[in-house]
């Protein structure tokens, strides 16, 4: 569905665009700004920016540590992942991360950080306790998306250039299988139960569903937001609600996110957001999406039940990724 353009409102000294704000369950969002070399910190209750942290060059991937005390930020032009105190933004460490780190995934046991090295055609595992590279595995050219399976068996890495997914067996640290995809896979995400892997093929304009058992594509989900030309549909970030019933996908130059019923793999709605959404995060209750709009320098706060953008919060230049702390 297509919703009317939101109205303008002045809140807390910041210019926000949205409907009357609905209550959130508190928490803080951290947004990496690729062109601004900064992280924007947003209080979710007030929808206000509470801090801006200067960080290294070209920050993209961003995530919380497993214990929630730190924020990890991939600074691609520094070939590093910064570790910052979540409360203060103070730099605690700069970890060697291989050539041009883009996306990364904190291991489920909290011991490693798995990094996709776009210019290195490799996946790097960083030992977080030791602050050093533990091991590295060659993968396809231009890797970007990276994720670990919920059972800890697989590390999956996308290859944008070779249109494939590499399945690294974490027991042997070797590529055990490859899955061909549609053009330019940018992001991969396991369903919470681990039964499926979803891959966003940006240039292909689709999301593909892969079976971890066979490592084969079992379904392809196309998109058709009303009034949007097909060439603008460029899927990237994917997030699942905690119960695994819904997926939310950022559609790039289509300036929408899609909400998908996971069981049927049917698109339920298309929700307009800002310009060129790259990635997003969901609040812990799965009710709200925070969407990084790379071309409009904003973050859209989207209520998934009503399908409305309840606020649009200014960020830095080129918002890319979002992490949320309760």
C-alpha atoms as a PDB file:
ATOM      1  CA  UNK A   1       0.000   0.000   0.000  1.00  0.00           C
ATOM      2  CA  UNK A   2       1.029   3.593  -0.553  1.00  0.00           C
ATOM      3  CA  UNK A   3       0.518   5.976   2.348  1.00  0.00           C
ATOM      4  CA  UNK A   4       0.034   9.762   2.211  1.00  0.00           C
ATOM      5  CA  UNK A   5       3.054  11.953   2.697  1.00  0.00           C
ATOM      6  CA  UNK A   6       3.599  12.626   6.417  1.00  0.00           C
ATOM      7  CA  UNK A   7       3.067  16.019   7.916  1.00  0.00           C
ATOM      8  CA  UNK A   8       5.735  18.163   9.554  1.00  0.00           C
ATOM      9  CA  UNK A   9       6.087  18.633  13.283  1.00  0.00           C
ATOM     10  CA  UNK A  10       8.586  20.331  15.541  1.00  0.00           C
ATOM     11  CA  UNK A  11       9.643  18.118  18.464  1.00  0.00           C
ATOM     12  CA  UNK A  12      12.338  18.532  21.064  1.00  0.00           C
ATOM     13  CA  UNK A  13      14.146  21.253  19.112  1.00  0.00           C
ATOM     14  CA  UNK A  14      14.666  18.980  16.065  1.00  0.00           C
ATOM     15  CA  UNK A  15      12.710  19.145  12.839  1.00  0.00           C
ATOM     16  CA  UNK A  16      10.890  15.828  12.510  1.00  0.00           C
ATOM     17  CA  UNK A  17       8.548  14.702   9.795  1.00  0.00           C
ATOM     18  CA  UNK A  18       5.798  12.367  10.887  1.00  0.00           C
ATOM     19  CA  UNK A  19       2.464  11.666  12.480  1.00  0.00           C
ATOM     20  CA  UNK A  20       1.826  11.967  16.192  1.00  0.00           C
ATOM     21  CA  UNK A  21       4.516   9.925  17.891  1.00  0.00           C
ATOM     22  CA  UNK A  22       3.580   6.526  19.270  1.00  0.00           C
ATOM     23  CA  UNK A  23       5.220   5.239  22.417  1.00  0.00           C
ATOM     24  CA  UNK A  24       8.317   3.087  22.041  1.00  0.00           C
ATOM     25  CA  UNK A  25       9.703   0.776  24.672  1.00  0.00           C
ATOM     26  CA  UNK A  26      12.752   3.001  25.165  1.00  0.00           C
ATOM     27  CA  UNK A  27      16.247   2.315  23.965  1.00  0.00           C
ATOM     28  CA  UNK A  28      18.895   3.902  21.802  1.00  0.00           C
ATOM     29  CA  UNK A  29      19.699   3.668  18.101  1.00  0.00           C
ATOM     30  CA  UNK A  30      23.213   4.023  16.672  1.00  0.00           C
ATOM     31  CA  UNK A  31      23.471   5.017  13.001  1.00  0.00           C
ATOM     32  CA  UNK A  32      26.662   4.847  10.915  1.00  0.00           C
ATOM     33  CA  UNK A  33      27.043   7.760   8.479  1.00  0.00           C
ATOM     34  CA  UNK A  34      29.154   6.626   5.541  1.00  0.00           C
ATOM     35  CA  UNK A  35      29.932  10.048   4.071  1.00  0.00           C
ATOM     36  CA  UNK A  36      29.910  11.930   7.365  1.00  0.00           C
ATOM     37  CA  UNK A  37      32.498   9.758   9.147  1.00  0.00           C
ATOM     38  CA  UNK A  38      30.281   9.754  12.208  1.00  0.00           C
ATOM     39  CA  UNK A  39      27.744   7.827  14.272  1.00  0.00           C
ATOM     40  CA  UNK A  40      24.430   9.454  15.187  1.00  0.00           C
ATOM     41  CA  UNK A  41      22.973   8.448  18.575  1.00  0.00           C
ATOM     42  CA  UNK A  42      19.159   8.640  18.785  1.00  0.00           C
ATOM     43  CA  UNK A  43      16.969   8.350  21.880  1.00  0.00           C
ATOM     44  CA  UNK A  44      14.003   6.251  20.759  1.00  0.00           C
ATOM     45  CA  UNK A  45      11.450   7.596  23.224  1.00  0.00           C
ATOM     46  CA  UNK A  46      11.922  11.240  22.269  1.00  0.00           C
ATOM     47  CA  UNK A  47      13.135  10.632  18.695  1.00  0.00           C
ATOM     48  CA  UNK A  48      15.916  13.119  19.265  1.00  0.00           C
ATOM     49  CA  UNK A  49      19.612  13.047  18.488  1.00  0.00           C
ATOM     50  CA  UNK A  50      21.511  12.918  21.770  1.00  0.00           C
ATOM     51  CA  UNK A  51      25.076  12.710  20.430  1.00  0.00           C
ATOM     52  CA  UNK A  52      27.190  12.568  17.305  1.00  0.00           C
ATOM     53  CA  UNK A  53      30.443  10.626  17.522  1.00  0.00           C
ATOM     54  CA  UNK A  54      33.264  11.405  15.090  1.00  0.00           C
ATOM     55  CA  UNK A  55      34.680   8.051  13.941  1.00  0.00           C
ATOM     56  CA  UNK A  56      37.083   6.743  11.316  1.00  0.00           C
ATOM     57  CA  UNK A  57      36.800   6.944   7.563  1.00  0.00           C
ATOM     58  CA  UNK A  58      33.795   5.516   5.695  1.00  0.00           C
ATOM     59  CA  UNK A  59      31.861   3.827   8.521  1.00  0.00           C
ATOM     60  CA  UNK A  60      29.343   1.273   7.266  1.00  0.00           C
ATOM     61  CA  UNK A  61      28.747  -1.934   9.228  1.00  0.00           C
ATOM     62  CA  UNK A  62      27.601  -1.315  12.809  1.00  0.00           C
ATOM     63  CA  UNK A  63      26.518  -3.681  15.593  1.00  0.00           C
ATOM     64  CA  UNK A  64      26.431  -4.089  19.352  1.00  0.00           C
ATOM     65  CA  UNK A  65      28.680  -6.473  21.221  1.00  0.00           C
ATOM     66  CA  UNK A  66      26.896  -9.571  22.493  1.00  0.00           C
ATOM     67  CA  UNK A  67      26.879  -8.203  26.053  1.00  0.00           C
ATOM     68  CA  UNK A  68      25.481  -4.883  24.823  1.00  0.00           C
ATOM     69  CA  UNK A  69      28.221  -2.747  26.359  1.00  0.00           C
ATOM     70  CA  UNK A  70      30.086  -1.774  23.186  1.00  0.00           C
ATOM     71  CA  UNK A  71      29.394  -0.611  19.646  1.00  0.00           C
ATOM     72  CA  UNK A  72      31.423  -2.047  16.757  1.00  0.00           C
ATOM     73  CA  UNK A  73      31.865   0.142  13.655  1.00  0.00           C
ATOM     74  CA  UNK A  74      33.573  -0.939  10.422  1.00  0.00           C
ATOM     75  CA  UNK A  75      35.660   1.971   9.111  1.00  0.00           C
ATOM     76  CA  UNK A  76      36.443   0.756   5.624  1.00  0.00           C
ATOM     77  CA  UNK A  77      39.093   3.253   4.578  1.00  0.00           C
ATOM     78  CA  UNK A  78      40.981   2.636   7.850  1.00  0.00           C
ATOM     79  CA  UNK A  79      40.917  -1.151   7.362  1.00  0.00           C
ATOM     80  CA  UNK A  80      39.676  -1.409  10.930  1.00  0.00           C
ATOM     81  CA  UNK A  81      36.719  -2.069  13.197  1.00  0.00           C
ATOM     82  CA  UNK A  82      36.385   0.481  15.967  1.00  0.00           C
ATOM     83  CA  UNK A  83      35.218  -0.637  19.399  1.00  0.00           C
ATOM     84  CA  UNK A  84      33.452   2.143  21.313  1.00  0.00           C
ATOM     85  CA  UNK A  85      31.872   2.373  24.732  1.00  0.00           C
ATOM     86  CA  UNK A  86      28.124   2.362  24.148  1.00  0.00           C
ATOM     87  CA  UNK A  87      27.332   4.955  26.803  1.00  0.00           C
ATOM     88  CA  UNK A  88      30.030   7.535  26.091  1.00  0.00           C
ATOM     89  CA  UNK A  89      31.214   6.824  22.554  1.00  0.00           C
ATOM     90  CA  UNK A  90      34.792   6.661  23.814  1.00  0.00           C
ATOM     91  CA  UNK A  91      37.132   4.718  21.524  1.00  0.00           C
ATOM     92  CA  UNK A  92      38.261   1.572  23.347  1.00  0.00           C
ATOM     93  CA  UNK A  93      40.151  -0.169  20.556  1.00  0.00           C
ATOM     94  CA  UNK A  94      40.747  -0.183  16.814  1.00  0.00           C
ATOM     95  CA  UNK A  95      40.864  -3.765  15.596  1.00  0.00           C
ATOM     96  CA  UNK A  96      42.782  -4.861  12.475  1.00  0.00           C
ATOM     97  CA  UNK A  97      40.076  -6.087  10.135  1.00  0.00           C
ATOM     98  CA  UNK A  98      41.623  -6.838   6.741  1.00  0.00           C
ATOM     99  CA  UNK A  99      41.246  -4.730   3.601  1.00  0.00           C
ATOM    100  CA  UNK A 100      38.121  -2.541   3.378  1.00  0.00           C
ATOM    101  CA  UNK A 101      35.787  -4.122   5.957  1.00  0.00           C
ATOM    102  CA  UNK A 102      32.144  -3.472   5.092  1.00  0.00           C
ATOM    103  CA  UNK A 103      29.649  -5.693   6.898  1.00  0.00           C
ATOM    104  CA  UNK A 104      30.502  -7.882   9.877  1.00  0.00           C
ATOM    105  CA  UNK A 105      28.796 -10.230  12.333  1.00  0.00           C
ATOM    106  CA  UNK A 106      29.633 -10.728  16.034  1.00  0.00           C
ATOM    107  CA  UNK A 107      29.896 -14.473  16.606  1.00  0.00           C
ATOM    108  CA  UNK A 108      27.085 -15.972  18.606  1.00  0.00           C
ATOM    109  CA  UNK A 109      29.473 -17.047  21.374  1.00  0.00           C
ATOM    110  CA  UNK A 110      30.857 -13.494  21.633  1.00  0.00           C
ATOM    111  CA  UNK A 111      34.460 -14.527  20.983  1.00  0.00           C
ATOM    112  CA  UNK A 112      34.978 -13.511  17.348  1.00  0.00           C
ATOM    113  CA  UNK A 113      33.971 -10.812  14.908  1.00  0.00           C
ATOM    114  CA  UNK A 114      33.402 -12.121  11.379  1.00  0.00           C
ATOM    115  CA  UNK A 115      34.214  -9.479   8.744  1.00  0.00           C
ATOM    116  CA  UNK A 116      33.618  -9.310   4.988  1.00  0.00           C
ATOM    117  CA  UNK A 117      36.612  -7.667   3.251  1.00  0.00           C
ATOM    118  CA  UNK A 118      35.301  -6.115   0.049  1.00  0.00           C
ATOM    119  CA  UNK A 119      38.685  -5.406  -1.539  1.00  0.00           C
ATOM    120  CA  UNK A 120      40.372  -8.574  -0.273  1.00  0.00           C
ATOM    121  CA  UNK A 121      37.922 -11.258  -1.472  1.00  0.00           C
ATOM    122  CA  UNK A 122      38.150 -12.712   2.007  1.00  0.00           C
ATOM    123  CA  UNK A 123      36.325 -13.246   5.266  1.00  0.00           C
ATOM    124  CA  UNK A 124      38.314 -12.365   8.374  1.00  0.00           C
ATOM    125  CA  UNK A 125      37.737 -13.603  11.921  1.00  0.00           C
ATOM    126  CA  UNK A 126      38.942 -11.214  14.636  1.00  0.00           C
ATOM    127  CA  UNK A 127      39.754 -12.539  18.100  1.00  0.00           C
ATOM    128  CA  UNK A 128      37.984  -9.973  20.282  1.00  0.00           C
ATOM    129  CA  UNK A 129      39.818 -10.840  23.497  1.00  0.00           C
ATOM    130  CA  UNK A 130      43.239 -10.674  21.867  1.00  0.00           C
ATOM    131  CA  UNK A 131      42.479  -7.824  19.459  1.00  0.00           C
ATOM    132  CA  UNK A 132      44.061  -9.651  16.525  1.00  0.00           C
ATOM    133  CA  UNK A 133      43.166 -11.496  13.340  1.00  0.00           C
ATOM    134  CA  UNK A 134      42.532 -15.136  14.251  1.00  0.00           C
ATOM    135  CA  UNK A 135      42.109 -16.511  10.716  1.00  0.00           C
ATOM    136  CA  UNK A 136      41.057 -15.578   7.194  1.00  0.00           C
ATOM    137  CA  UNK A 137      39.317 -17.524   4.416  1.00  0.00           C
ATOM    138  CA  UNK A 138      39.301 -16.603   0.686  1.00  0.00           C
ATOM    139  CA  UNK A 139      35.797 -16.138  -0.764  1.00  0.00           C
ATOM    140  CA  UNK A 140      34.293 -14.719  -3.978  1.00  0.00           C
ATOM    141  CA  UNK A 141      35.117 -11.258  -5.275  1.00  0.00           C
ATOM    142  CA  UNK A 142      33.578  -8.204  -3.587  1.00  0.00           C
ATOM    143  CA  UNK A 143      32.204  -9.864  -0.456  1.00  0.00           C
ATOM    144  CA  UNK A 144      29.787  -7.701   1.522  1.00  0.00           C
ATOM    145  CA  UNK A 145      27.053  -9.541   3.437  1.00  0.00           C
ATOM    146  CA  UNK A 146      28.114 -11.941   6.172  1.00  0.00           C
ATOM    147  CA  UNK A 147      26.253 -13.915   8.841  1.00  0.00           C
ATOM    148  CA  UNK A 148      26.602 -16.934  11.117  1.00  0.00           C
ATOM    149  CA  UNK A 149      23.932 -19.631  11.293  1.00  0.00           C
ATOM    150  CA  UNK A 150      22.049 -19.873  14.610  1.00  0.00           C
ATOM    151  CA  UNK A 151      23.517 -23.345  15.228  1.00  0.00           C
ATOM    152  CA  UNK A 152      27.075 -22.011  14.802  1.00  0.00           C
ATOM    153  CA  UNK A 153      27.866 -24.399  11.942  1.00  0.00           C
ATOM    154  CA  UNK A 154      28.046 -22.022   8.975  1.00  0.00           C
ATOM    155  CA  UNK A 155      29.462 -18.631   8.105  1.00  0.00           C
ATOM    156  CA  UNK A 156      27.832 -17.353   4.905  1.00  0.00           C
ATOM    157  CA  UNK A 157      29.423 -14.584   2.804  1.00  0.00           C
ATOM    158  CA  UNK A 158      28.045 -12.892  -0.305  1.00  0.00           C
ATOM    159  CA  UNK A 159      30.059 -12.230  -3.458  1.00  0.00           C
ATOM    160  CA  UNK A 160      28.632  -9.225  -5.305  1.00  0.00           C
ATOM    161  CA  UNK A 161      30.884  -9.697  -8.315  1.00  0.00           C
ATOM    162  CA  UNK A 162      30.427 -13.448  -8.739  1.00  0.00           C
ATOM    163  CA  UNK A 163      26.717 -13.562  -7.794  1.00  0.00           C
ATOM    164  CA  UNK A 164      27.131 -16.308  -5.233  1.00  0.00           C
ATOM    165  CA  UNK A 165      27.133 -17.194  -1.544  1.00  0.00           C
ATOM    166  CA  UNK A 166      30.096 -18.947   0.066  1.00  0.00           C
ATOM    167  CA  UNK A 167      29.301 -21.384   2.886  1.00  0.00           C
ATOM    168  CA  UNK A 168      32.266 -21.589   5.264  1.00  0.00           C
ATOM    169  CA  UNK A 169      32.270 -24.616   7.575  1.00  0.00           C
ATOM    170  CA  UNK A 170      33.328 -23.099  10.886  1.00  0.00           C
ATOM    171  CA  UNK A 171      34.703 -26.432  12.087  1.00  0.00           C
ATOM    172  CA  UNK A 172      37.183 -26.690   9.194  1.00  0.00           C
ATOM    173  CA  UNK A 173      37.389 -22.987   8.235  1.00  0.00           C
ATOM    174  CA  UNK A 174      37.009 -23.920   4.578  1.00  0.00           C
ATOM    175  CA  UNK A 175      34.424 -23.083   1.922  1.00  0.00           C
ATOM    176  CA  UNK A 176      32.288 -26.212   1.758  1.00  0.00           C
ATOM    177  CA  UNK A 177      29.687 -25.062  -0.776  1.00  0.00           C
ATOM    178  CA  UNK A 178      28.650 -22.179  -3.012  1.00  0.00           C
ATOM    179  CA  UNK A 179      25.132 -21.082  -3.921  1.00  0.00           C
ATOM    180  CA  UNK A 180      24.562 -19.179  -7.194  1.00  0.00           C
ATOM    181  CA  UNK A 181      22.201 -16.199  -6.802  1.00  0.00           C
ATOM    182  CA  UNK A 182      20.654 -13.464  -8.871  1.00  0.00           C
ATOM    183  CA  UNK A 183      22.884 -10.473  -9.574  1.00  0.00           C
ATOM    184  CA  UNK A 184      24.824  -8.666  -6.855  1.00  0.00           C
ATOM    185  CA  UNK A 185      23.910 -10.221  -3.506  1.00  0.00           C
ATOM    186  CA  UNK A 186      24.413  -7.527  -0.847  1.00  0.00           C
ATOM    187  CA  UNK A 187      23.041  -8.920   2.411  1.00  0.00           C
ATOM    188  CA  UNK A 188      22.241 -12.290   4.019  1.00  0.00           C
ATOM    189  CA  UNK A 189      20.120 -13.023   7.072  1.00  0.00           C
ATOM    190  CA  UNK A 190      19.043 -16.287   8.721  1.00  0.00           C
ATOM    191  CA  UNK A 191      15.504 -16.641   9.988  1.00  0.00           C
ATOM    192  CA  UNK A 192      15.497 -16.772  13.817  1.00  0.00           C
ATOM    193  CA  UNK A 193      14.910 -20.540  13.773  1.00  0.00           C
ATOM    194  CA  UNK A 194      17.776 -21.101  11.308  1.00  0.00           C
ATOM    195  CA  UNK A 195      15.617 -23.002   8.844  1.00  0.00           C
ATOM    196  CA  UNK A 196      16.106 -20.532   6.005  1.00  0.00           C
ATOM    197  CA  UNK A 197      18.693 -18.053   4.774  1.00  0.00           C
ATOM    198  CA  UNK A 198      17.424 -14.969   2.942  1.00  0.00           C
ATOM    199  CA  UNK A 199      19.721 -13.190   0.486  1.00  0.00           C
ATOM    200  CA  UNK A 200      19.062  -9.754  -1.021  1.00  0.00           C
ATOM    201  CA  UNK A 201      20.184  -9.696  -4.674  1.00  0.00           C
ATOM    202  CA  UNK A 202      20.382  -5.947  -5.302  1.00  0.00           C
ATOM    203  CA  UNK A 203      20.837  -5.818  -9.075  1.00  0.00           C
ATOM    204  CA  UNK A 204      18.477  -8.773  -9.476  1.00  0.00           C
ATOM    205  CA  UNK A 205      15.754  -6.841  -7.667  1.00  0.00           C
ATOM    206  CA  UNK A 206      14.765  -9.856  -5.564  1.00  0.00           C
ATOM    207  CA  UNK A 207      15.273 -11.647  -2.272  1.00  0.00           C
ATOM    208  CA  UNK A 208      16.145 -15.330  -2.560  1.00  0.00           C
ATOM    209  CA  UNK A 209      15.383 -17.962   0.069  1.00  0.00           C
ATOM    210  CA  UNK A 210      18.038 -20.643   0.527  1.00  0.00           C
ATOM    211  CA  UNK A 211      17.831 -23.968   2.366  1.00  0.00           C
ATOM    212  CA  UNK A 212      20.772 -24.430   4.778  1.00  0.00           C
ATOM    213  CA  UNK A 213      20.359 -28.190   4.395  1.00  0.00           C
ATOM    214  CA  UNK A 214      20.878 -28.258   0.617  1.00  0.00           C
ATOM    215  CA  UNK A 215      22.480 -24.807   0.149  1.00  0.00           C
ATOM    216  CA  UNK A 216      20.123 -24.348  -2.814  1.00  0.00           C
ATOM    217  CA  UNK A 217      17.685 -21.543  -3.633  1.00  0.00           C
ATOM    218  CA  UNK A 218      14.151 -22.714  -2.860  1.00  0.00           C
ATOM    219  CA  UNK A 219      12.183 -19.521  -3.526  1.00  0.00           C
ATOM    220  CA  UNK A 220      12.568 -16.072  -5.074  1.00  0.00           C
ATOM    221  CA  UNK A 221      10.593 -13.050  -3.849  1.00  0.00           C
ATOM    222  CA  UNK A 222      10.060 -10.194  -6.341  1.00  0.00           C
ATOM    223  CA  UNK A 223       8.963  -6.647  -5.478  1.00  0.00           C
ATOM    224  CA  UNK A 224       6.632  -4.144  -7.157  1.00  0.00           C
ATOM    225  CA  UNK A 225       6.010  -1.010  -5.065  1.00  0.00           C
ATOM    226  CA  UNK A 226       3.183   1.009  -6.652  1.00  0.00           C
ATOM    227  CA  UNK A 227       4.383   3.648  -9.071  1.00  0.00           C
ATOM    228  CA  UNK A 228       8.072   2.657  -8.791  1.00  0.00           C
ATOM    229  CA  UNK A 229      10.108   1.792 -11.879  1.00  0.00           C
ATOM    230  CA  UNK A 230      11.628  -1.699 -11.764  1.00  0.00           C
ATOM    231  CA  UNK A 231      15.199  -0.395 -12.127  1.00  0.00           C
ATOM    232  CA  UNK A 232      14.880   1.461  -8.828  1.00  0.00           C
ATOM    233  CA  UNK A 233      14.095  -1.698  -6.845  1.00  0.00           C
ATOM    234  CA  UNK A 234      17.448  -2.553  -5.227  1.00  0.00           C
ATOM    235  CA  UNK A 235      16.966  -4.794  -2.165  1.00  0.00           C
ATOM    236  CA  UNK A 236      19.638  -4.586   0.507  1.00  0.00           C
ATOM    237  CA  UNK A 237      19.095  -4.800   4.283  1.00  0.00           C
ATOM    238  CA  UNK A 238      16.856  -7.533   5.721  1.00  0.00           C
ATOM    239  CA  UNK A 239      15.605  -7.939   9.286  1.00  0.00           C
ATOM    240  CA  UNK A 240      13.194 -10.452  10.831  1.00  0.00           C
ATOM    241  CA  UNK A 241      10.811  -9.819  13.685  1.00  0.00           C
ATOM    242  CA  UNK A 242      11.857 -11.754  16.826  1.00  0.00           C
ATOM    243  CA  UNK A 243       9.079 -14.316  16.328  1.00  0.00           C
ATOM    244  CA  UNK A 244      10.204 -14.925  12.758  1.00  0.00           C
ATOM    245  CA  UNK A 245       6.777 -14.202  11.283  1.00  0.00           C
ATOM    246  CA  UNK A 246       7.685 -11.095   9.290  1.00  0.00           C
ATOM    247  CA  UNK A 247      10.657  -9.822   7.316  1.00  0.00           C
ATOM    248  CA  UNK A 248      11.351  -6.162   6.540  1.00  0.00           C
ATOM    249  CA  UNK A 249      13.489  -5.420   3.461  1.00  0.00           C
ATOM    250  CA  UNK A 250      15.027  -2.079   2.436  1.00  0.00           C
ATOM    251  CA  UNK A 251      14.429  -1.524  -1.289  1.00  0.00           C
ATOM    252  CA  UNK A 252      17.099   1.063  -2.114  1.00  0.00           C
ATOM    253  CA  UNK A 253      16.233   3.612  -4.778  1.00  0.00           C
ATOM    254  CA  UNK A 254      12.586   2.528  -4.598  1.00  0.00           C
ATOM    255  CA  UNK A 255      12.473   4.610  -1.377  1.00  0.00           C
ATOM    256  CA  UNK A 256      10.315   1.978   0.320  1.00  0.00           C
ATOM    257  CA  UNK A 257      10.647  -0.951   2.664  1.00  0.00           C
ATOM    258  CA  UNK A 258       8.694  -4.157   2.052  1.00  0.00           C
ATOM    259  CA  UNK A 259       7.006  -6.134   4.827  1.00  0.00           C
ATOM    260  CA  UNK A 260       6.867  -9.853   3.999  1.00  0.00           C
ATOM    261  CA  UNK A 261       4.969 -12.763   5.556  1.00  0.00           C
ATOM    262  CA  UNK A 262       7.759 -15.294   6.092  1.00  0.00           C
ATOM    263  CA  UNK A 263       5.596 -18.434   5.973  1.00  0.00           C
ATOM    264  CA  UNK A 264       3.947 -17.621   2.634  1.00  0.00           C
ATOM    265  CA  UNK A 265       6.830 -15.437   1.308  1.00  0.00           C
ATOM    266  CA  UNK A 266       4.234 -12.903   0.161  1.00  0.00           C
ATOM    267  CA  UNK A 267       4.714  -9.153   0.349  1.00  0.00           C
ATOM    268  CA  UNK A 268       2.106  -7.733   2.725  1.00  0.00           C
ATOM    269  CA  UNK A 269       2.811  -4.043   2.219  1.00  0.00           C
ATOM    270  CA  UNK A 270       5.187  -1.436   0.868  1.00  0.00           C
ATOM    271  CA  UNK A 271       5.949   1.439   3.237  1.00  0.00           C
ATOM    272  CA  UNK A 272       7.469   4.721   1.962  1.00  0.00           C
ATOM    273  CA  UNK A 273      10.590   5.945   3.753  1.00  0.00           C
ATOM    274  CA  UNK A 274      13.389   8.388   2.904  1.00  0.00           C
ATOM    275  CA  UNK A 275      15.762   8.401  -0.039  1.00  0.00           C
ATOM    276  CA  UNK A 276      17.798   5.272  -0.746  1.00  0.00           C
ATOM    277  CA  UNK A 277      17.298   3.108   2.361  1.00  0.00           C
ATOM    278  CA  UNK A 278      20.355   0.896   2.839  1.00  0.00           C
ATOM    279  CA  UNK A 279      19.891  -0.988   6.103  1.00  0.00           C
ATOM    280  CA  UNK A 280      17.531  -1.092   9.047  1.00  0.00           C
ATOM    281  CA  UNK A 281      17.048  -2.464  12.539  1.00  0.00           C
ATOM    282  CA  UNK A 282      13.972  -3.507  14.500  1.00  0.00           C
ATOM    283  CA  UNK A 283      13.168  -2.673  18.099  1.00  0.00           C
ATOM    284  CA  UNK A 284      13.316  -5.719  20.437  1.00  0.00           C
ATOM    285  CA  UNK A 285       9.519  -6.084  20.383  1.00  0.00           C
ATOM    286  CA  UNK A 286       9.540  -6.183  16.570  1.00  0.00           C
ATOM    287  CA  UNK A 287       6.989  -3.374  16.380  1.00  0.00           C
ATOM    288  CA  UNK A 288       9.137  -0.581  14.949  1.00  0.00           C
ATOM    289  CA  UNK A 289      11.738  -0.343  12.178  1.00  0.00           C
ATOM    290  CA  UNK A 290      14.548   2.228  12.135  1.00  0.00           C
ATOM    291  CA  UNK A 291      15.572   2.732   8.507  1.00  0.00           C
ATOM    292  CA  UNK A 292      18.817   4.446   7.394  1.00  0.00           C
ATOM    293  CA  UNK A 293      18.081   6.648   4.368  1.00  0.00           C
ATOM    294  CA  UNK A 294      21.402   7.074   2.609  1.00  0.00           C
ATOM    295  CA  UNK A 295      20.434   9.850   0.192  1.00  0.00           C
ATOM    296  CA  UNK A 296      18.228  11.973   2.435  1.00  0.00           C
ATOM    297  CA  UNK A 297      20.537  11.916   5.492  1.00  0.00           C
ATOM    298  CA  UNK A 298      17.701  10.805   7.763  1.00  0.00           C
ATOM    299  CA  UNK A 299      16.379   7.849   9.724  1.00  0.00           C
ATOM    300  CA  UNK A 300      12.735   6.831   9.300  1.00  0.00           C
ATOM    301  CA  UNK A 301      10.921   5.523  12.384  1.00  0.00           C
ATOM    302  CA  UNK A 302       8.263   3.158  10.999  1.00  0.00           C
ATOM    303  CA  UNK A 303       5.410   1.633  12.997  1.00  0.00           C
ATOM    304  CA  UNK A 304       4.974  -1.747  11.329  1.00  0.00           C
ATOM    305  CA  UNK A 305       1.430  -2.374  12.612  1.00  0.00           C
ATOM    306  CA  UNK A 306      -0.025   0.842  11.208  1.00  0.00           C
ATOM    307  CA  UNK A 307       2.390   1.095   8.301  1.00  0.00           C
ATOM    308  CA  UNK A 308       3.117   4.717   9.137  1.00  0.00           C
ATOM    309  CA  UNK A 309       6.360   6.623   9.446  1.00  0.00           C
ATOM    310  CA  UNK A 310       5.899   8.178  12.887  1.00  0.00           C
ATOM    311  CA  UNK A 311       9.038  10.307  12.733  1.00  0.00           C
ATOM    312  CA  UNK A 312      11.955  11.192  10.496  1.00  0.00           C
ATOM    313  CA  UNK A 313      15.089  12.036  12.451  1.00  0.00           C
ATOM    314  CA  UNK A 314      18.055  13.937  10.986  1.00  0.00           C
ATOM    315  CA  UNK A 315      21.288  11.918  10.880  1.00  0.00           C
ATOM    316  CA  UNK A 316      24.749  12.579   9.458  1.00  0.00           C
ATOM    317  CA  UNK A 317      25.811  12.456   5.820  1.00  0.00           C
ATOM    318  CA  UNK A 318      24.975   9.131   4.177  1.00  0.00           C
ATOM    319  CA  UNK A 319      23.298   7.004   6.880  1.00  0.00           C
ATOM    320  CA  UNK A 320      24.148   3.376   6.155  1.00  0.00           C
ATOM    321  CA  UNK A 321      23.545   0.992   9.075  1.00  0.00           C
ATOM    322  CA  UNK A 322      21.529   0.911  12.298  1.00  0.00           C
ATOM    323  CA  UNK A 323      22.011  -0.909  15.608  1.00  0.00           C
ATOM    324  CA  UNK A 324      19.510  -0.729  18.476  1.00  0.00           C
ATOM    325  CA  UNK A 325      20.180  -1.159  22.197  1.00  0.00           C
ATOM    326  CA  UNK A 326      17.229  -1.705  24.605  1.00  0.00           C
END
